[in-house]
Amino acid sequence: ELVAYGEGKPYCVALVGLDSESITEWAGRNGLGDASFEEIARHEKTRELISGYIDELNLQLNRWEQVKKFSIIDRELSVEAGDLTPSMKLRRKVVVDSFATDLTRLYEE
């Protein structure tokens, strides 16, 4: 999941939610097989992986739409936490509110 944010801001940033199954498989192939989800989310190799995807995405966007900075969410988004509806749709406002500190930090760095 990618939640873009930036209305009224000088540039766009994003929160990136990782798919547990996919990232765990990737981690196993990249020397992080024993790491927890949180450790994988915070690892530099994961940041490099996601950065590559963000770069590819940005190639398809107008300059003002491009994601300049991002933060990887260190837990899986879930229905139980209120991040997703029962039909697995993202609750954008809930996620933005839950990770407001992370978003603020992206504009302060």
PDB file of N, CA and C in Angstrom:
ATOM      1  N   GLU A   1       0.837  -1.177   0.000  1.00  0.00           N
ATOM      2  CA  GLU A   1       0.000   0.000   0.000  1.00  0.00           C
ATOM      3  C   GLU A   1       0.885   1.244   0.000  1.00  0.00           C
ATOM      4  N   LEU A   2       0.483   2.224  -0.755  1.00  0.00           N
ATOM      5  CA  LEU A   2       1.184   3.498  -0.773  1.00  0.00           C
ATOM      6  C   LEU A   2       0.150   4.590  -0.542  1.00  0.00           C
ATOM      7  N   VAL A   3       0.402   5.413   0.472  1.00  0.00           N
ATOM      8  CA  VAL A   3      -0.486   6.525   0.768  1.00  0.00           C
ATOM      9  C   VAL A   3       0.285   7.809   0.478  1.00  0.00           C
ATOM     10  N   ALA A   4      -0.075   8.474  -0.617  1.00  0.00           N
ATOM     11  CA  ALA A   4       0.560   9.741  -0.970  1.00  0.00           C
ATOM     12  C   ALA A   4      -0.070  10.851  -0.135  1.00  0.00           C
ATOM     13  N   TYR A   5       0.745  11.826   0.220  1.00  0.00           N
ATOM     14  CA  TYR A   5       0.295  12.922   1.074  1.00  0.00           C
ATOM     15  C   TYR A   5       1.002  14.192   0.634  1.00  0.00           C
ATOM     16  N   GLY A   6       0.288  15.314   0.641  1.00  0.00           N
ATOM     17  CA  GLY A   6       0.973  16.540   0.273  1.00  0.00           C
ATOM     18  C   GLY A   6       0.083  17.723  -0.004  1.00  0.00           C
ATOM     19  N   GLU A   7      -1.219  17.568   0.179  1.00  0.00           N
ATOM     20  CA  GLU A   7      -2.112  18.688  -0.085  1.00  0.00           C
ATOM     21  C   GLU A   7      -1.733  19.876   0.801  1.00  0.00           C
ATOM     22  N   GLY A   8      -1.502  21.011   0.157  1.00  0.00           N
ATOM     23  CA  GLY A   8      -1.119  22.206   0.888  1.00  0.00           C
ATOM     24  C   GLY A   8       0.335  22.219   1.332  1.00  0.00           C
ATOM     25  N   LYS A   9       1.109  21.254   0.886  1.00  0.00           N
ATOM     26  CA  LYS A   9       2.522  21.148   1.251  1.00  0.00           C
ATOM     27  C   LYS A   9       3.385  21.459   0.034  1.00  0.00           C
ATOM     28  N   PRO A  10       4.677  21.737   0.232  1.00  0.00           N
ATOM     29  CA  PRO A  10       5.536  22.094  -0.901  1.00  0.00           C
ATOM     30  C   PRO A  10       5.862  20.921  -1.837  1.00  0.00           C
ATOM     31  N   TYR A  11       5.712  19.695  -1.364  1.00  0.00           N
ATOM     32  CA  TYR A  11       5.971  18.515  -2.191  1.00  0.00           C
ATOM     33  C   TYR A  11       5.246  17.309  -1.598  1.00  0.00           C
ATOM     34  N   CYS A  12       5.166  16.241  -2.395  1.00  0.00           N
ATOM     35  CA  CYS A  12       4.472  15.030  -1.958  1.00  0.00           C
ATOM     36  C   CYS A  12       5.421  14.090  -1.225  1.00  0.00           C
ATOM     37  N   VAL A  13       4.879  13.446  -0.208  1.00  0.00           N
ATOM     38  CA  VAL A  13       5.582  12.394   0.512  1.00  0.00           C
ATOM     39  C   VAL A  13       4.657  11.179   0.515  1.00  0.00           C
ATOM     40  N   ALA A  14       5.141  10.060   1.021  1.00  0.00           N
ATOM     41  CA  ALA A  14       4.305   8.865   1.038  1.00  0.00           C
ATOM     42  C   ALA A  14       4.605   7.992   2.247  1.00  0.00           C
ATOM     43  N   LEU A  15       3.564   7.303   2.678  1.00  0.00           N
ATOM     44  CA  LEU A  15       3.694   6.225   3.645  1.00  0.00           C
ATOM     45  C   LEU A  15       3.599   4.941   2.840  1.00  0.00           C
ATOM     46  N   VAL A  16       4.490   4.013   3.092  1.00  0.00           N
ATOM     47  CA  VAL A  16       4.513   2.757   2.354  1.00  0.00           C
ATOM     48  C   VAL A  16       4.240   1.609   3.316  1.00  0.00           C
ATOM     49  N   GLY A  17       3.168   0.874   3.048  1.00  0.00           N
ATOM     50  CA  GLY A  17       2.827  -0.313   3.820  1.00  0.00           C
ATOM     51  C   GLY A  17       3.288  -1.538   3.055  1.00  0.00           C
ATOM     52  N   LEU A  18       3.963  -2.436   3.748  1.00  0.00           N
ATOM     53  CA  LEU A  18       4.504  -3.639   3.115  1.00  0.00           C
ATOM     54  C   LEU A  18       3.535  -4.814   3.247  1.00  0.00           C
ATOM     55  N   ASP A  19       3.491  -5.644   2.219  1.00  0.00           N
ATOM     56  CA  ASP A  19       2.722  -6.887   2.264  1.00  0.00           C
ATOM     57  C   ASP A  19       3.565  -7.919   3.001  1.00  0.00           C
ATOM     58  N   SER A  20       3.049  -8.428   4.098  1.00  0.00           N
ATOM     59  CA  SER A  20       3.806  -9.331   4.965  1.00  0.00           C
ATOM     60  C   SER A  20       4.365 -10.545   4.221  1.00  0.00           C
ATOM     61  N   GLU A  21       3.524 -11.206   3.453  1.00  0.00           N
ATOM     62  CA  GLU A  21       3.957 -12.424   2.757  1.00  0.00           C
ATOM     63  C   GLU A  21       5.051 -12.119   1.736  1.00  0.00           C
ATOM     64  N   SER A  22       4.834 -11.111   0.920  1.00  0.00           N
ATOM     65  CA  SER A  22       5.807 -10.762  -0.123  1.00  0.00           C
ATOM     66  C   SER A  22       7.127 -10.290   0.458  1.00  0.00           C
ATOM     67  N   ILE A  23       7.072  -9.426   1.464  1.00  0.00           N
ATOM     68  CA  ILE A  23       8.314  -8.881   2.013  1.00  0.00           C
ATOM     69  C   ILE A  23       9.078  -9.938   2.801  1.00  0.00           C
ATOM     70  N   THR A  24       8.372 -10.871   3.431  1.00  0.00           N
ATOM     71  CA  THR A  24       9.036 -11.951   4.162  1.00  0.00           C
ATOM     72  C   THR A  24       9.776 -12.873   3.191  1.00  0.00           C
ATOM     73  N   GLU A  25       9.131 -13.185   2.059  1.00  0.00           N
ATOM     74  CA  GLU A  25       9.791 -13.999   1.028  1.00  0.00           C
ATOM     75  C   GLU A  25      11.027 -13.272   0.504  1.00  0.00           C
ATOM     76  N   TRP A  26      10.881 -11.983   0.184  1.00  0.00           N
ATOM     77  CA  TRP A  26      11.998 -11.188  -0.308  1.00  0.00           C
ATOM     78  C   TRP A  26      13.116 -11.148   0.730  1.00  0.00           C
ATOM     79  N   ALA A  27      12.767 -10.946   1.986  1.00  0.00           N
ATOM     80  CA  ALA A  27      13.754 -10.873   3.064  1.00  0.00           C
ATOM     81  C   ALA A  27      14.546 -12.178   3.167  1.00  0.00           C
ATOM     82  N   GLY A  28      13.862 -13.302   3.032  1.00  0.00           N
ATOM     83  CA  GLY A  28      14.535 -14.596   3.079  1.00  0.00           C
ATOM     84  C   GLY A  28      15.562 -14.754   1.972  1.00  0.00           C
ATOM     85  N   ARG A  29      15.266 -14.219   0.811  1.00  0.00           N
ATOM     86  CA  ARG A  29      16.189 -14.289  -0.333  1.00  0.00           C
ATOM     87  C   ARG A  29      17.318 -13.269  -0.230  1.00  0.00           C
ATOM     88  N   ASN A  30      17.196 -12.332   0.694  1.00  0.00           N
ATOM     89  CA  ASN A  30      18.169 -11.243   0.789  1.00  0.00           C
ATOM     90  C   ASN A  30      18.868 -11.164   2.144  1.00  0.00           C
ATOM     91  N   GLY A  31      18.999 -12.307   2.785  1.00  0.00           N
ATOM     92  CA  GLY A  31      19.774 -12.377   4.016  1.00  0.00           C
ATOM     93  C   GLY A  31      19.089 -11.857   5.261  1.00  0.00           C
ATOM     94  N   LEU A  32      17.785 -11.664   5.198  1.00  0.00           N
ATOM     95  CA  LEU A  32      17.047 -11.156   6.355  1.00  0.00           C
ATOM     96  C   LEU A  32      15.992 -12.157   6.827  1.00  0.00           C
ATOM     97  N   GLY A  33      16.230 -13.427   6.571  1.00  0.00           N
ATOM     98  CA  GLY A  33      15.248 -14.466   6.863  1.00  0.00           C
ATOM     99  C   GLY A  33      14.844 -14.576   8.315  1.00  0.00           C
ATOM    100  N   ASP A  34      15.724 -14.245   9.240  1.00  0.00           N
ATOM    101  CA  ASP A  34      15.412 -14.353  10.666  1.00  0.00           C
ATOM    102  C   ASP A  34      14.871 -13.047  11.250  1.00  0.00           C
ATOM    103  N   ALA A  35      14.765 -12.022  10.449  1.00  0.00           N
ATOM    104  CA  ALA A  35      14.345 -10.699  10.937  1.00  0.00           C
ATOM    105  C   ALA A  35      12.831 -10.642  11.141  1.00  0.00           C
ATOM    106  N   SER A  36      12.405  -9.848  12.100  1.00  0.00           N
ATOM    107  CA  SER A  36      10.981  -9.619  12.335  1.00  0.00           C
ATOM    108  C   SER A  36      10.457  -8.660  11.268  1.00  0.00           C
ATOM    109  N   PHE A  37       9.148  -8.543  11.163  1.00  0.00           N
ATOM    110  CA  PHE A  37       8.544  -7.620  10.203  1.00  0.00           C
ATOM    111  C   PHE A  37       9.063  -6.205  10.447  1.00  0.00           C
ATOM    112  N   GLU A  38       9.106  -5.801  11.703  1.00  0.00           N
ATOM    113  CA  GLU A  38       9.581  -4.463  12.060  1.00  0.00           C
ATOM    114  C   GLU A  38      11.034  -4.266  11.632  1.00  0.00           C
ATOM    115  N   GLU A  39      11.880  -5.271  11.866  1.00  0.00           N
ATOM    116  CA  GLU A  39      13.291  -5.172  11.480  1.00  0.00           C
ATOM    117  C   GLU A  39      13.443  -5.082   9.960  1.00  0.00           C
ATOM    118  N   ILE A  40      12.642  -5.871   9.244  1.00  0.00           N
ATOM    119  CA  ILE A  40      12.676  -5.829   7.781  1.00  0.00           C
ATOM    120  C   ILE A  40      12.264  -4.442   7.289  1.00  0.00           C
ATOM    121  N   ALA A  41      11.186  -3.910   7.866  1.00  0.00           N
ATOM    122  CA  ALA A  41      10.681  -2.598   7.448  1.00  0.00           C
ATOM    123  C   ALA A  41      11.698  -1.491   7.683  1.00  0.00           C
ATOM    124  N   ARG A  42      12.513  -1.632   8.701  1.00  0.00           N
ATOM    125  CA  ARG A  42      13.482  -0.586   9.052  1.00  0.00           C
ATOM    126  C   ARG A  42      14.866  -0.799   8.433  1.00  0.00           C
ATOM    127  N   HIS A  43      15.059  -1.922   7.751  1.00  0.00           N
ATOM    128  CA  HIS A  43      16.382  -2.263   7.218  1.00  0.00           C
ATOM    129  C   HIS A  43      16.709  -1.442   5.968  1.00  0.00           C
ATOM    130  N   GLU A  44      17.975  -1.107   5.821  1.00  0.00           N
ATOM    131  CA  GLU A  44      18.432  -0.304   4.676  1.00  0.00           C
ATOM    132  C   GLU A  44      18.179  -1.012   3.336  1.00  0.00           C
ATOM    133  N   LYS A  45      18.298  -2.345   3.293  1.00  0.00           N
ATOM    134  CA  LYS A  45      18.039  -3.083   2.044  1.00  0.00           C
ATOM    135  C   LYS A  45      16.586  -2.892   1.606  1.00  0.00           C
ATOM    136  N   THR A  46      15.680  -2.886   2.565  1.00  0.00           N
ATOM    137  CA  THR A  46      14.262  -2.682   2.256  1.00  0.00           C
ATOM    138  C   THR A  46      14.045  -1.265   1.754  1.00  0.00           C
ATOM    139  N   ARG A  47      14.690  -0.314   2.393  1.00  0.00           N
ATOM    140  CA  ARG A  47      14.578   1.088   1.968  1.00  0.00           C
ATOM    141  C   ARG A  47      15.064   1.246   0.525  1.00  0.00           C
ATOM    142  N   GLU A  48      16.165   0.580   0.177  1.00  0.00           N
ATOM    143  CA  GLU A  48      16.685   0.634  -1.189  1.00  0.00           C
ATOM    144  C   GLU A  48      15.692   0.021  -2.173  1.00  0.00           C
ATOM    145  N   LEU A  49      15.087  -1.105  -1.795  1.00  0.00           N
ATOM    146  CA  LEU A  49      14.094  -1.764  -2.642  1.00  0.00           C
ATOM    147  C   LEU A  49      12.922  -0.820  -2.919  1.00  0.00           C
ATOM    148  N   ILE A  50      12.365  -0.253  -1.864  1.00  0.00           N
ATOM    149  CA  ILE A  50      11.211   0.635  -2.004  1.00  0.00           C
ATOM    150  C   ILE A  50      11.595   1.904  -2.760  1.00  0.00           C
ATOM    151  N   SER A  51      12.778   2.418  -2.522  1.00  0.00           N
ATOM    152  CA  SER A  51      13.255   3.612  -3.222  1.00  0.00           C
ATOM    153  C   SER A  51      13.263   3.385  -4.737  1.00  0.00           C
ATOM    154  N   GLY A  52      13.660   2.198  -5.155  1.00  0.00           N
ATOM    155  CA  GLY A  52      13.649   1.862  -6.581  1.00  0.00           C
ATOM    156  C   GLY A  52      12.246   1.888  -7.158  1.00  0.00           C
ATOM    157  N   TYR A  53      11.284   1.359  -6.397  1.00  0.00           N
ATOM    158  CA  TYR A  53       9.893   1.383  -6.854  1.00  0.00           C
ATOM    159  C   TYR A  53       9.352   2.808  -6.910  1.00  0.00           C
ATOM    160  N   ILE A  54       9.710   3.625  -5.926  1.00  0.00           N
ATOM    161  CA  ILE A  54       9.276   5.032  -5.913  1.00  0.00           C
ATOM    162  C   ILE A  54       9.872   5.765  -7.124  1.00  0.00           C
ATOM    163  N   ASP A  55      11.139   5.500  -7.424  1.00  0.00           N
ATOM    164  CA  ASP A  55      11.784   6.123  -8.591  1.00  0.00           C
ATOM    165  C   ASP A  55      11.049   5.754  -9.878  1.00  0.00           C
ATOM    166  N   GLU A  56      10.668   4.469 -10.009  1.00  0.00           N
ATOM    167  CA  GLU A  56       9.929   4.024 -11.197  1.00  0.00           C
ATOM    168  C   GLU A  56       8.574   4.722 -11.281  1.00  0.00           C
ATOM    169  N   LEU A  57       7.893   4.809 -10.158  1.00  0.00           N
ATOM    170  CA  LEU A  57       6.600   5.485 -10.116  1.00  0.00           C
ATOM    171  C   LEU A  57       6.740   6.944 -10.525  1.00  0.00           C
ATOM    172  N   ASN A  58       7.751   7.611  -9.992  1.00  0.00           N
ATOM    173  CA  ASN A  58       7.949   9.031 -10.278  1.00  0.00           C
ATOM    174  C   ASN A  58       8.166   9.320 -11.758  1.00  0.00           C
ATOM    175  N   LEU A  59       8.733   8.358 -12.483  1.00  0.00           N
ATOM    176  CA  LEU A  59       8.945   8.535 -13.923  1.00  0.00           C
ATOM    177  C   LEU A  59       7.621   8.701 -14.668  1.00  0.00           C
ATOM    178  N   GLN A  60       6.547   8.187 -14.092  1.00  0.00           N
ATOM    179  CA  GLN A  60       5.236   8.225 -14.732  1.00  0.00           C
ATOM    180  C   GLN A  60       4.400   9.427 -14.292  1.00  0.00           C
ATOM    181  N   LEU A  61       4.930  10.235 -13.378  1.00  0.00           N
ATOM    182  CA  LEU A  61       4.164  11.332 -12.798  1.00  0.00           C
ATOM    183  C   LEU A  61       4.711  12.692 -13.220  1.00  0.00           C
ATOM    184  N   ASN A  62       3.846  13.680 -13.196  1.00  0.00           N
ATOM    185  CA  ASN A  62       4.293  15.058 -13.389  1.00  0.00           C
ATOM    186  C   ASN A  62       5.178  15.438 -12.206  1.00  0.00           C
ATOM    187  N   ARG A  63       6.032  16.398 -12.400  1.00  0.00           N
ATOM    188  CA  ARG A  63       6.979  16.786 -11.355  1.00  0.00           C
ATOM    189  C   ARG A  63       6.276  17.114 -10.038  1.00  0.00           C
ATOM    190  N   TRP A  64       5.188  17.850 -10.097  1.00  0.00           N
ATOM    191  CA  TRP A  64       4.476  18.269  -8.887  1.00  0.00           C
ATOM    192  C   TRP A  64       3.768  17.108  -8.190  1.00  0.00           C
ATOM    193  N   GLU A  65       3.610  15.969  -8.876  1.00  0.00           N
ATOM    194  CA  GLU A  65       2.969  14.787  -8.296  1.00  0.00           C
ATOM    195  C   GLU A  65       3.984  13.824  -7.688  1.00  0.00           C
ATOM    196  N   GLN A  66       5.250  13.983  -8.016  1.00  0.00           N
ATOM    197  CA  GLN A  66       6.271  13.011  -7.621  1.00  0.00           C
ATOM    198  C   GLN A  66       6.491  12.967  -6.111  1.00  0.00           C
ATOM    199  N   VAL A  67       6.759  11.765  -5.628  1.00  0.00           N
ATOM    200  CA  VAL A  67       7.031  11.536  -4.209  1.00  0.00           C
ATOM    201  C   VAL A  67       8.498  11.868  -3.953  1.00  0.00           C
ATOM    202  N   LYS A  68       8.742  12.848  -3.108  1.00  0.00           N
ATOM    203  CA  LYS A  68      10.108  13.298  -2.816  1.00  0.00           C
ATOM    204  C   LYS A  68      10.728  12.528  -1.645  1.00  0.00           C
ATOM    205  N   LYS A  69       9.909  12.147  -0.667  1.00  0.00           N
ATOM    206  CA  LYS A  69      10.394  11.404   0.500  1.00  0.00           C
ATOM    207  C   LYS A  69       9.329  10.390   0.889  1.00  0.00           C
ATOM    208  N   PHE A  70       9.760   9.330   1.566  1.00  0.00           N
ATOM    209  CA  PHE A  70       8.797   8.326   2.003  1.00  0.00           C
ATOM    210  C   PHE A  70       9.222   7.724   3.333  1.00  0.00           C
ATOM    211  N   SER A  71       8.246   7.140   3.992  1.00  0.00           N
ATOM    212  CA  SER A  71       8.476   6.432   5.249  1.00  0.00           C
ATOM    213  C   SER A  71       7.831   5.059   5.129  1.00  0.00           C
ATOM    214  N   ILE A  72       8.551   4.031   5.537  1.00  0.00           N
ATOM    215  CA  ILE A  72       8.020   2.673   5.507  1.00  0.00           C
ATOM    216  C   ILE A  72       7.365   2.391   6.857  1.00  0.00           C
ATOM    217  N   ILE A  73       6.119   1.971   6.815  1.00  0.00           N
ATOM    218  CA  ILE A  73       5.376   1.641   8.033  1.00  0.00           C
ATOM    219  C   ILE A  73       5.940   0.342   8.594  1.00  0.00           C
ATOM    220  N   ASP A  74       6.285   0.340   9.891  1.00  0.00           N
ATOM    221  CA  ASP A  74       6.976  -0.823  10.464  1.00  0.00           C
ATOM    222  C   ASP A  74       6.037  -1.862  11.071  1.00  0.00           C
ATOM    223  N   ARG A  75       4.792  -1.839  10.649  1.00  0.00           N
ATOM    224  CA  ARG A  75       3.842  -2.895  11.016  1.00  0.00           C
ATOM    225  C   ARG A  75       2.919  -3.115   9.831  1.00  0.00           C
ATOM    226  N   GLU A  76       2.316  -4.282   9.799  1.00  0.00           N
ATOM    227  CA  GLU A  76       1.413  -4.574   8.695  1.00  0.00           C
ATOM    228  C   GLU A  76       0.097  -3.839   8.901  1.00  0.00           C
ATOM    229  N   LEU A  77      -0.426  -3.232   7.854  1.00  0.00           N
ATOM    230  CA  LEU A  77      -1.731  -2.596   7.930  1.00  0.00           C
ATOM    231  C   LEU A  77      -2.787  -3.690   8.046  1.00  0.00           C
ATOM    232  N   SER A  78      -3.800  -3.460   8.889  1.00  0.00           N
ATOM    233  CA  SER A  78      -4.765  -4.528   9.130  1.00  0.00           C
ATOM    234  C   SER A  78      -6.167  -3.999   9.414  1.00  0.00           C
ATOM    235  N   VAL A  79      -7.136  -4.905   9.299  1.00  0.00           N
ATOM    236  CA  VAL A  79      -8.523  -4.607   9.648  1.00  0.00           C
ATOM    237  C   VAL A  79      -8.600  -4.385  11.157  1.00  0.00           C
ATOM    238  N   GLU A  80      -7.905  -5.235  11.914  1.00  0.00           N
ATOM    239  CA  GLU A  80      -7.941  -5.170  13.376  1.00  0.00           C
ATOM    240  C   GLU A  80      -7.463  -3.817  13.908  1.00  0.00           C
ATOM    241  N   ALA A  81      -6.460  -3.246  13.270  1.00  0.00           N
ATOM    242  CA  ALA A  81      -5.922  -1.946  13.693  1.00  0.00           C
ATOM    243  C   ALA A  81      -6.763  -0.789  13.164  1.00  0.00           C
ATOM    244  N   GLY A  82      -7.732  -1.092  12.290  1.00  0.00           N
ATOM    245  CA  GLY A  82      -8.586  -0.053  11.731  1.00  0.00           C
ATOM    246  C   GLY A  82      -8.045   0.584  10.463  1.00  0.00           C
ATOM    247  N   ASP A  83      -6.887   0.094   9.989  1.00  0.00           N
ATOM    248  CA  ASP A  83      -6.268   0.651   8.786  1.00  0.00           C
ATOM    249  C   ASP A  83      -7.021   0.285   7.513  1.00  0.00           C
ATOM    250  N   LEU A  84      -7.664  -0.875   7.534  1.00  0.00           N
ATOM    251  CA  LEU A  84      -8.359  -1.411   6.368  1.00  0.00           C
ATOM    252  C   LEU A  84      -9.808  -1.716   6.722  1.00  0.00           C
ATOM    253  N   THR A  85     -10.686  -1.617   5.725  1.00  0.00           N
ATOM    254  CA  THR A  85     -12.078  -2.006   5.920  1.00  0.00           C
ATOM    255  C   THR A  85     -12.138  -3.539   5.885  1.00  0.00           C
ATOM    256  N   PRO A  86     -13.261  -4.135   6.293  1.00  0.00           N
ATOM    257  CA  PRO A  86     -13.386  -5.596   6.193  1.00  0.00           C
ATOM    258  C   PRO A  86     -13.189  -6.130   4.771  1.00  0.00           C
ATOM    259  N   SER A  87     -13.437  -5.286   3.766  1.00  0.00           N
ATOM    260  CA  SER A  87     -13.217  -5.713   2.373  1.00  0.00           C
ATOM    261  C   SER A  87     -11.809  -5.359   1.892  1.00  0.00           C
ATOM    262  N   MET A  88     -10.912  -5.038   2.856  1.00  0.00           N
ATOM    263  CA  MET A  88      -9.485  -4.798   2.614  1.00  0.00           C
ATOM    264  C   MET A  88      -9.187  -3.502   1.856  1.00  0.00           C
ATOM    265  N   LYS A  89     -10.089  -2.539   1.935  1.00  0.00           N
ATOM    266  CA  LYS A  89      -9.826  -1.233   1.332  1.00  0.00           C
ATOM    267  C   LYS A  89      -9.151  -0.349   2.381  1.00  0.00           C
ATOM    268  N   LEU A  90      -8.201   0.443   1.924  1.00  0.00           N
ATOM    269  CA  LEU A  90      -7.440   1.313   2.805  1.00  0.00           C
ATOM    270  C   LEU A  90      -8.311   2.424   3.375  1.00  0.00           C
ATOM    271  N   ARG A  91      -8.201   2.645   4.669  1.00  0.00           N
ATOM    272  CA  ARG A  91      -8.857   3.779   5.313  1.00  0.00           C
ATOM    273  C   ARG A  91      -7.806   4.889   5.414  1.00  0.00           C
ATOM    274  N   ARG A  92      -7.743   5.673   4.372  1.00  0.00           N
ATOM    275  CA  ARG A  92      -6.699   6.682   4.215  1.00  0.00           C
ATOM    276  C   ARG A  92      -6.590   7.617   5.413  1.00  0.00           C
ATOM    277  N   LYS A  93      -7.715   8.183   5.864  1.00  0.00           N
ATOM    278  CA  LYS A  93      -7.685   9.138   6.969  1.00  0.00           C
ATOM    279  C   LYS A  93      -7.149   8.484   8.243  1.00  0.00           C
ATOM    280  N   VAL A  94      -7.550   7.258   8.506  1.00  0.00           N
ATOM    281  CA  VAL A  94      -7.071   6.543   9.692  1.00  0.00           C
ATOM    282  C   VAL A  94      -5.560   6.358   9.618  1.00  0.00           C
ATOM    283  N   VAL A  95      -5.064   5.942   8.455  1.00  0.00           N
ATOM    284  CA  VAL A  95      -3.625   5.716   8.283  1.00  0.00           C
ATOM    285  C   VAL A  95      -2.865   7.036   8.408  1.00  0.00           C
ATOM    286  N   VAL A  96      -3.352   8.086   7.763  1.00  0.00           N
ATOM    287  CA  VAL A  96      -2.697   9.395   7.846  1.00  0.00           C
ATOM    288  C   VAL A  96      -2.674   9.879   9.297  1.00  0.00           C
ATOM    289  N   ASP A  97      -3.795   9.727   9.995  1.00  0.00           N
ATOM    290  CA  ASP A  97      -3.848  10.151  11.402  1.00  0.00           C
ATOM    291  C   ASP A  97      -2.930   9.305  12.282  1.00  0.00           C
ATOM    292  N   SER A  98      -2.897   8.000  12.035  1.00  0.00           N
ATOM    293  CA  SER A  98      -2.065   7.088  12.837  1.00  0.00           C
ATOM    294  C   SER A  98      -0.575   7.366  12.669  1.00  0.00           C
ATOM    295  N   PHE A  99      -0.203   7.800  11.490  1.00  0.00           N
ATOM    296  CA  PHE A  99       1.216   8.011  11.192  1.00  0.00           C
ATOM    297  C   PHE A  99       1.536   9.487  10.944  1.00  0.00           C
ATOM    298  N   ALA A 100       0.781  10.370  11.581  1.00  0.00           N
ATOM    299  CA  ALA A 100       0.970  11.819  11.430  1.00  0.00           C
ATOM    300  C   ALA A 100       2.378  12.241  11.822  1.00  0.00           C
ATOM    301  N   THR A 101       2.939  11.621  12.854  1.00  0.00           N
ATOM    302  CA  THR A 101       4.297  11.962  13.291  1.00  0.00           C
ATOM    303  C   THR A 101       5.308  11.643  12.197  1.00  0.00           C
ATOM    304  N   ASP A 102       5.133  10.501  11.547  1.00  0.00           N
ATOM    305  CA  ASP A 102       6.032  10.112  10.454  1.00  0.00           C
ATOM    306  C   ASP A 102       5.933  11.112   9.296  1.00  0.00           C
ATOM    307  N   LEU A 103       4.717  11.523   8.974  1.00  0.00           N
ATOM    308  CA  LEU A 103       4.513  12.483   7.883  1.00  0.00           C
ATOM    309  C   LEU A 103       5.155  13.827   8.230  1.00  0.00           C
ATOM    310  N   THR A 104       4.958  14.278   9.444  1.00  0.00           N
ATOM    311  CA  THR A 104       5.566  15.539   9.883  1.00  0.00           C
ATOM    312  C   THR A 104       7.074  15.464   9.785  1.00  0.00           C
ATOM    313  N   ARG A 105       7.630  14.349  10.215  1.00  0.00           N
ATOM    314  CA  ARG A 105       9.087  14.163  10.188  1.00  0.00           C
ATOM    315  C   ARG A 105       9.639  14.236   8.758  1.00  0.00           C
ATOM    316  N   LEU A 106       8.877  13.738   7.780  1.00  0.00           N
ATOM    317  CA  LEU A 106       9.333  13.785   6.387  1.00  0.00           C
ATOM    318  C   LEU A 106       9.491  15.221   5.899  1.00  0.00           C
ATOM    319  N   TYR A 107       8.686  16.117   6.411  1.00  0.00           N
ATOM    320  CA  TYR A 107       8.800  17.527   6.007  1.00  0.00           C
ATOM    321  C   TYR A 107       9.850  18.279   6.819  1.00  0.00           C
ATOM    322  N   GLU A 108      10.280  17.714   7.925  1.00  0.00           N
ATOM    323  CA  GLU A 108      11.280  18.375   8.766  1.00  0.00           C
ATOM    324  C   GLU A 108      12.696  17.989   8.418  1.00  0.00           C
ATOM    325  N   GLU A 109      12.870  16.844   7.755  1.00  0.00           N
ATOM    326  CA  GLU A 109      14.218  16.332   7.440  1.00  0.00           C
ATOM    327  C   GLU A 109      14.892  17.160   6.380  1.00  0.00           C
TER     328      GLU A 109
END
